[in-house]
PDB file of N, CA and C in Angstrom:
ATOM      1  N   LEU A   1      20.638 -38.002  44.629  1.00  0.00           N
ATOM      2  CA  LEU A   1      20.954 -39.394  43.469  1.00  0.00           C
ATOM      3  C   LEU A   1      20.120 -40.448  43.556  1.00  0.00           C
ATOM      4  N   TYR A   2      18.684 -39.918  44.127  1.00  0.00           N
ATOM      5  CA  TYR A   2      17.600 -41.172  44.005  1.00  0.00           C
ATOM      6  C   TYR A   2      17.618 -41.242  42.606  1.00  0.00           C
ATOM      7  N   PHE A   3      17.080 -40.474  41.582  1.00  0.00           N
ATOM      8  CA  PHE A   3      16.933 -40.638  40.368  1.00  0.00           C
ATOM      9  C   PHE A   3      17.868 -41.123  39.475  1.00  0.00           C
ATOM     10  N   TYR A   4      19.224 -40.878  39.768  1.00  0.00           N
ATOM     11  CA  TYR A   4      20.233 -41.742  39.299  1.00  0.00           C
ATOM     12  C   TYR A   4      20.169 -43.513  39.447  1.00  0.00           C
ATOM     13  N   ARG A   5      19.736 -43.626  40.581  1.00  0.00           N
ATOM     14  CA  ARG A   5      19.478 -44.950  41.070  1.00  0.00           C
ATOM     15  C   ARG A   5      18.761 -45.337  40.655  1.00  0.00           C
ATOM     16  N   GLU A   6      17.542 -45.400  40.323  1.00  0.00           N
ATOM     17  CA  GLU A   6      16.274 -44.889  39.827  1.00  0.00           C
ATOM     18  C   GLU A   6      16.442 -45.891  38.711  1.00  0.00           C
ATOM     19  N   ILE A   7      17.064 -44.913  37.343  1.00  0.00           N
ATOM     20  CA  ILE A   7      17.389 -44.812  36.502  1.00  0.00           C
ATOM     21  C   ILE A   7      18.658 -45.718  36.303  1.00  0.00           C
ATOM     22  N   VAL A   8      18.750 -46.546  36.683  1.00  0.00           N
ATOM     23  CA  VAL A   8      20.301 -47.443  36.867  1.00  0.00           C
ATOM     24  C   VAL A   8      19.391 -48.404  37.087  1.00  0.00           C
ATOM     25  N   ASP A   9      18.828 -48.735  37.950  1.00  0.00           N
ATOM     26  CA  ASP A   9      18.167 -49.807  37.981  1.00  0.00           C
ATOM     27  C   ASP A   9      16.425 -50.338  37.104  1.00  0.00           C
ATOM     28  N   LYS A  10      16.395 -49.571  36.749  1.00  0.00           N
ATOM     29  CA  LYS A  10      15.591 -49.860  35.368  1.00  0.00           C
ATOM     30  C   LYS A  10      16.217 -50.401  33.765  1.00  0.00           C
ATOM     31  N   SER A  11      17.626 -49.400  33.963  1.00  0.00           N
ATOM     32  CA  SER A  11      18.259 -49.120  32.643  1.00  0.00           C
ATOM     33  C   SER A  11      18.461 -50.800  31.767  1.00  0.00           C
ATOM     34  N   TYR A  12      18.651 -51.664  32.375  1.00  0.00           N
ATOM     35  CA  TYR A  12      19.195 -52.785  32.125  1.00  0.00           C
ATOM     36  C   TYR A  12      17.869 -53.131  30.978  1.00  0.00           C
ATOM     37  N   LYS A  13      16.581 -52.717  31.095  1.00  0.00           N
ATOM     38  CA  LYS A  13      15.559 -53.430  30.385  1.00  0.00           C
ATOM     39  C   LYS A  13      15.368 -52.507  29.403  1.00  0.00           C
ATOM     40  N   TYR A  14      16.277 -51.934  29.185  1.00  0.00           N
ATOM     41  CA  TYR A  14      15.969 -50.886  27.821  1.00  0.00           C
ATOM     42  C   TYR A  14      17.205 -50.895  26.968  1.00  0.00           C
ATOM     43  N   LEU A  15      18.409 -51.169  27.261  1.00  0.00           N
ATOM     44  CA  LEU A  15      19.969 -50.865  26.953  1.00  0.00           C
ATOM     45  C   LEU A  15      19.854 -52.168  26.111  1.00  0.00           C
ATOM     46  N   ASN A  16      20.855 -52.048  24.939  1.00  0.00           N
ATOM     47  CA  ASN A  16      21.370 -52.988  24.118  1.00  0.00           C
ATOM     48  C   ASN A  16      22.048 -53.814  25.019  1.00  0.00           C
ATOM     49  N   GLU A  17      22.560 -54.982  24.165  1.00  0.00           N
ATOM     50  CA  GLU A  17      23.617 -55.708  25.031  1.00  0.00           C
ATOM     51  C   GLU A  17      25.155 -54.636  24.632  1.00  0.00           C
ATOM     52  N   LYS A  18      25.541 -54.410  25.476  1.00  0.00           N
ATOM     53  CA  LYS A  18      26.775 -53.715  25.327  1.00  0.00           C
ATOM     54  C   LYS A  18      26.211 -52.207  25.215  1.00  0.00           C
ATOM     55  N   GLY A  19      25.347 -51.851  25.441  1.00  0.00           N
ATOM     56  CA  GLY A  19      24.744 -50.442  25.460  1.00  0.00           C
ATOM     57  C   GLY A  19      25.304 -49.494  26.603  1.00  0.00           C
ATOM     58  N   PHE A  20      25.577 -48.327  25.887  1.00  0.00           N
ATOM     59  CA  PHE A  20      26.374 -47.394  27.083  1.00  0.00           C
ATOM     60  C   PHE A  20      24.802 -46.615  27.616  1.00  0.00           C
ATOM     61  N   ILE A  21      24.910 -45.875  28.521  1.00  0.00           N
ATOM     62  CA  ILE A  21      24.491 -44.882  29.542  1.00  0.00           C
ATOM     63  C   ILE A  21      25.038 -43.557  29.501  1.00  0.00           C
ATOM     64  N   PHE A  22      24.531 -42.458  29.655  1.00  0.00           N
ATOM     65  CA  PHE A  22      25.579 -41.143  29.968  1.00  0.00           C
ATOM     66  C   PHE A  22      24.303 -40.533  30.949  1.00  0.00           C
ATOM     67  N   PHE A  23      25.084 -40.344  31.773  1.00  0.00           N
ATOM     68  CA  PHE A  23      24.368 -39.071  33.131  1.00  0.00           C
ATOM     69  C   PHE A  23      25.575 -37.175  32.672  1.00  0.00           C
ATOM     70  N   GLU A  24      24.750 -36.613  32.977  1.00  0.00           N
ATOM     71  CA  GLU A  24      24.855 -35.345  33.366  1.00  0.00           C
ATOM     72  C   GLU A  24      25.041 -35.160  34.182  1.00  0.00           C
ATOM     73  N   ILE A  25      25.821 -34.552  35.222  1.00  0.00           N
ATOM     74  CA  ILE A  25      25.965 -34.428  36.802  1.00  0.00           C
ATOM     75  C   ILE A  25      26.398 -33.021  37.222  1.00  0.00           C
ATOM     76  N   GLY A  26      25.597 -32.870  38.155  1.00  0.00           N
ATOM     77  CA  GLY A  26      26.276 -31.917  39.019  1.00  0.00           C
ATOM     78  C   GLY A  26      27.740 -31.733  39.664  1.00  0.00           C
ATOM     79  N   TYR A  27      28.717 -30.703  39.615  1.00  0.00           N
ATOM     80  CA  TYR A  27      30.577 -30.866  39.869  1.00  0.00           C
ATOM     81  C   TYR A  27      30.512 -31.874  40.937  1.00  0.00           C
ATOM     82  N   ASP A  28      29.901 -32.035  42.030  1.00  0.00           N
ATOM     83  CA  ASP A  28      30.076 -32.704  43.203  1.00  0.00           C
ATOM     84  C   ASP A  28      29.686 -34.266  43.020  1.00  0.00           C
ATOM     85  N   GLN A  29      28.984 -34.685  41.668  1.00  0.00           N
ATOM     86  CA  GLN A  29      29.044 -35.951  42.318  1.00  0.00           C
ATOM     87  C   GLN A  29      29.076 -36.978  41.501  1.00  0.00           C
ATOM     88  N   GLY A  30      30.420 -36.474  40.723  1.00  0.00           N
ATOM     89  CA  GLY A  30      31.173 -37.996  40.001  1.00  0.00           C
ATOM     90  C   GLY A  30      31.604 -39.184  40.593  1.00  0.00           C
ATOM     91  N   GLU A  31      31.867 -39.113  41.619  1.00  0.00           N
ATOM     92  CA  GLU A  31      32.522 -40.383  42.434  1.00  0.00           C
ATOM     93  C   GLU A  31      31.541 -41.115  42.838  1.00  0.00           C
ATOM     94  N   ASP A  32      30.142 -40.481  43.293  1.00  0.00           N
ATOM     95  CA  ASP A  32      28.553 -41.201  43.768  1.00  0.00           C
ATOM     96  C   ASP A  32      27.995 -41.974  42.761  1.00  0.00           C
ATOM     97  N   VAL A  33      28.455 -41.205  41.604  1.00  0.00           N
ATOM     98  CA  VAL A  33      27.439 -42.041  40.285  1.00  0.00           C
ATOM     99  C   VAL A  33      28.092 -42.915  40.165  1.00  0.00           C
ATOM    100  N   LYS A  34      29.596 -42.927  39.927  1.00  0.00           N
ATOM    101  CA  LYS A  34      30.668 -44.035  39.163  1.00  0.00           C
ATOM    102  C   LYS A  34      30.152 -44.636  40.101  1.00  0.00           C
ATOM    103  N   ASN A  35      30.428 -44.897  41.384  1.00  0.00           N
ATOM    104  CA  ASN A  35      29.825 -45.741  42.214  1.00  0.00           C
ATOM    105  C   ASN A  35      28.468 -46.479  42.425  1.00  0.00           C
ATOM    106  N   ILE A  36      27.664 -46.198  42.263  1.00  0.00           N
ATOM    107  CA  ILE A  36      26.070 -46.033  41.348  1.00  0.00           C
ATOM    108  C   ILE A  36      26.619 -47.632  40.590  1.00  0.00           C
ATOM    109  N   LEU A  37      26.913 -46.607  39.089  1.00  0.00           N
ATOM    110  CA  LEU A  37      27.011 -47.803  38.284  1.00  0.00           C
ATOM    111  C   LEU A  37      28.196 -48.807  38.610  1.00  0.00           C
ATOM    112  N   GLU A  38      28.810 -48.834  39.296  1.00  0.00           N
ATOM    113  CA  GLU A  38      30.021 -49.667  39.616  1.00  0.00           C
ATOM    114  C   GLU A  38      29.753 -51.118  39.915  1.00  0.00           C
ATOM    115  N   SER A  39      28.279 -50.864  41.183  1.00  0.00           N
ATOM    116  CA  SER A  39      27.894 -51.668  42.138  1.00  0.00           C
ATOM    117  C   SER A  39      26.651 -51.796  41.331  1.00  0.00           C
ATOM    118  N   LYS A  40      25.811 -51.509  40.299  1.00  0.00           N
ATOM    119  CA  LYS A  40      25.248 -52.025  39.181  1.00  0.00           C
ATOM    120  C   LYS A  40      25.579 -53.227  38.208  1.00  0.00           C
ATOM    121  N   GLY A  41      26.841 -53.045  38.254  1.00  0.00           N
ATOM    122  CA  GLY A  41      27.393 -53.848  37.096  1.00  0.00           C
ATOM    123  C   GLY A  41      27.914 -53.568  36.082  1.00  0.00           C
ATOM    124  N   PHE A  42      28.237 -52.165  36.018  1.00  0.00           N
ATOM    125  CA  PHE A  42      28.455 -51.211  34.680  1.00  0.00           C
ATOM    126  C   PHE A  42      30.024 -51.390  34.690  1.00  0.00           C
ATOM    127  N   CYS A  43      30.253 -51.589  33.360  1.00  0.00           N
ATOM    128  CA  CYS A  43      31.745 -51.706  33.194  1.00  0.00           C
ATOM    129  C   CYS A  43      32.056 -50.514  32.378  1.00  0.00           C
ATOM    130  N   ASP A  44      34.002 -50.227  32.363  1.00  0.00           N
ATOM    131  CA  ASP A  44      34.204 -49.274  31.697  1.00  0.00           C
ATOM    132  C   ASP A  44      33.788 -47.664  32.186  1.00  0.00           C
ATOM    133  N   VAL A  45      33.402 -47.581  33.423  1.00  0.00           N
ATOM    134  CA  VAL A  45      32.715 -45.813  33.723  1.00  0.00           C
ATOM    135  C   VAL A  45      33.852 -45.523  34.031  1.00  0.00           C
ATOM    136  N   LYS A  46      33.412 -44.034  33.468  1.00  0.00           N
ATOM    137  CA  LYS A  46      34.232 -43.137  33.550  1.00  0.00           C
ATOM    138  C   LYS A  46      33.604 -41.671  33.989  1.00  0.00           C
ATOM    139  N   VAL A  47      34.394 -40.613  34.880  1.00  0.00           N
ATOM    140  CA  VAL A  47      33.607 -39.492  35.144  1.00  0.00           C
ATOM    141  C   VAL A  47      34.410 -38.681  33.840  1.00  0.00           C
ATOM    142  N   ILE A  48      33.586 -37.797  33.134  1.00  0.00           N
ATOM    143  CA  ILE A  48      34.559 -36.927  31.974  1.00  0.00           C
ATOM    144  C   ILE A  48      34.160 -35.017  33.133  1.00  0.00           C
ATOM    145  N   LYS A  49      35.379 -34.958  32.573  1.00  0.00           N
ATOM    146  CA  LYS A  49      35.400 -33.114  33.054  1.00  0.00           C
ATOM    147  C   LYS A  49      35.409 -32.172  32.089  1.00  0.00           C
ATOM    148  N   ASP A  50      34.123 -31.306  32.308  1.00  0.00           N
ATOM    149  CA  ASP A  50      34.204 -30.155  31.728  1.00  0.00           C
ATOM    150  C   ASP A  50      35.017 -29.029  31.222  1.00  0.00           C
ATOM    151  N   LEU A  51      35.388 -27.838  30.470  1.00  0.00           N
ATOM    152  CA  LEU A  51      36.101 -27.472  30.463  1.00  0.00           C
ATOM    153  C   LEU A  51      36.801 -26.792  31.287  1.00  0.00           C
ATOM    154  N   ALA A  52      36.068 -26.322  32.174  1.00  0.00           N
ATOM    155  CA  ALA A  52      36.769 -25.756  33.420  1.00  0.00           C
ATOM    156  C   ALA A  52      37.517 -26.268  34.435  1.00  0.00           C
ATOM    157  N   GLY A  53      37.480 -28.094  34.289  1.00  0.00           N
ATOM    158  CA  GLY A  53      38.068 -28.927  34.780  1.00  0.00           C
ATOM    159  C   GLY A  53      37.260 -29.498  36.070  1.00  0.00           C
ATOM    160  N   LEU A  54      35.559 -29.247  35.781  1.00  0.00           N
ATOM    161  CA  LEU A  54      34.871 -30.076  36.814  1.00  0.00           C
ATOM    162  C   LEU A  54      34.381 -31.183  36.082  1.00  0.00           C
ATOM    163  N   ASP A  55      33.824 -32.279  37.354  1.00  0.00           N
ATOM    164  CA  ASP A  55      33.336 -33.512  36.438  1.00  0.00           C
ATOM    165  C   ASP A  55      32.008 -32.979  36.186  1.00  0.00           C
ATOM    166  N   ARG A  56      31.448 -33.802  34.898  1.00  0.00           N
ATOM    167  CA  ARG A  56      30.566 -32.928  34.125  1.00  0.00           C
ATOM    168  C   ARG A  56      29.427 -34.284  33.543  1.00  0.00           C
ATOM    169  N   VAL A  57      30.407 -35.259  33.084  1.00  0.00           N
ATOM    170  CA  VAL A  57      29.312 -36.540  32.760  1.00  0.00           C
ATOM    171  C   VAL A  57      30.015 -37.578  33.358  1.00  0.00           C
ATOM    172  N   VAL A  58      29.185 -38.798  33.443  1.00  0.00           N
ATOM    173  CA  VAL A  58      29.511 -40.117  34.219  1.00  0.00           C
ATOM    174  C   VAL A  58      28.498 -41.168  32.960  1.00  0.00           C
ATOM    175  N   THR A  59      29.724 -42.085  32.500  1.00  0.00           N
ATOM    176  CA  THR A  59      29.495 -42.814  31.543  1.00  0.00           C
ATOM    177  C   THR A  59      29.669 -44.414  31.746  1.00  0.00           C
ATOM    178  N   GLY A  60      29.044 -45.051  31.456  1.00  0.00           N
ATOM    179  CA  GLY A  60      29.113 -46.857  31.360  1.00  0.00           C
ATOM    180  C   GLY A  60      28.706 -47.271  30.567  1.00  0.00           C
ATOM    181  N   ARG A  61      29.359 -48.885  30.543  1.00  0.00           N
ATOM    182  CA  ARG A  61      28.849 -49.827  29.523  1.00  0.00           C
ATOM    183  C   ARG A  61      27.818 -50.905  29.819  1.00  0.00           C
ATOM    184  N   LYS A  62      26.561 -51.363  29.565  1.00  0.00           N
ATOM    185  CA  LYS A  62      26.606 -52.558  29.878  1.00  0.00           C
ATOM    186  C   LYS A  62      27.521 -53.940  29.481  1.00  0.00           C
ATOM    187  N   ILE A  63      27.180 -54.869  30.510  1.00  0.00           N
ATOM    188  CA  ILE A  63      27.817 -56.208  30.033  1.00  0.00           C
ATOM    189  C   ILE A  63      27.617 -57.088  29.793  1.00  0.00           C
ATOM    190  N   TRP A  64      25.991 -56.962  29.983  1.00  0.00           N
ATOM    191  CA  TRP A  64      25.094 -58.584  29.271  1.00  0.00           C
ATOM    192  C   TRP A  64      24.106 -57.687  28.957  1.00  0.00           C
TER     193      TRP A  64
END
């Protein structure tokens, strides 16, 4: 999860206001990556499942 934290920490510098961030994740990382985004102030954080029903993408929106 180290790299997700690093990317999220630096993302505010690069994202436009109300910009989105998307991560492809391992099947067992959905809740952890969702918590990272929420703890850094992202809103509308969602975990999206793949066709097999496994967590595959986490997305969030910058709020300022």
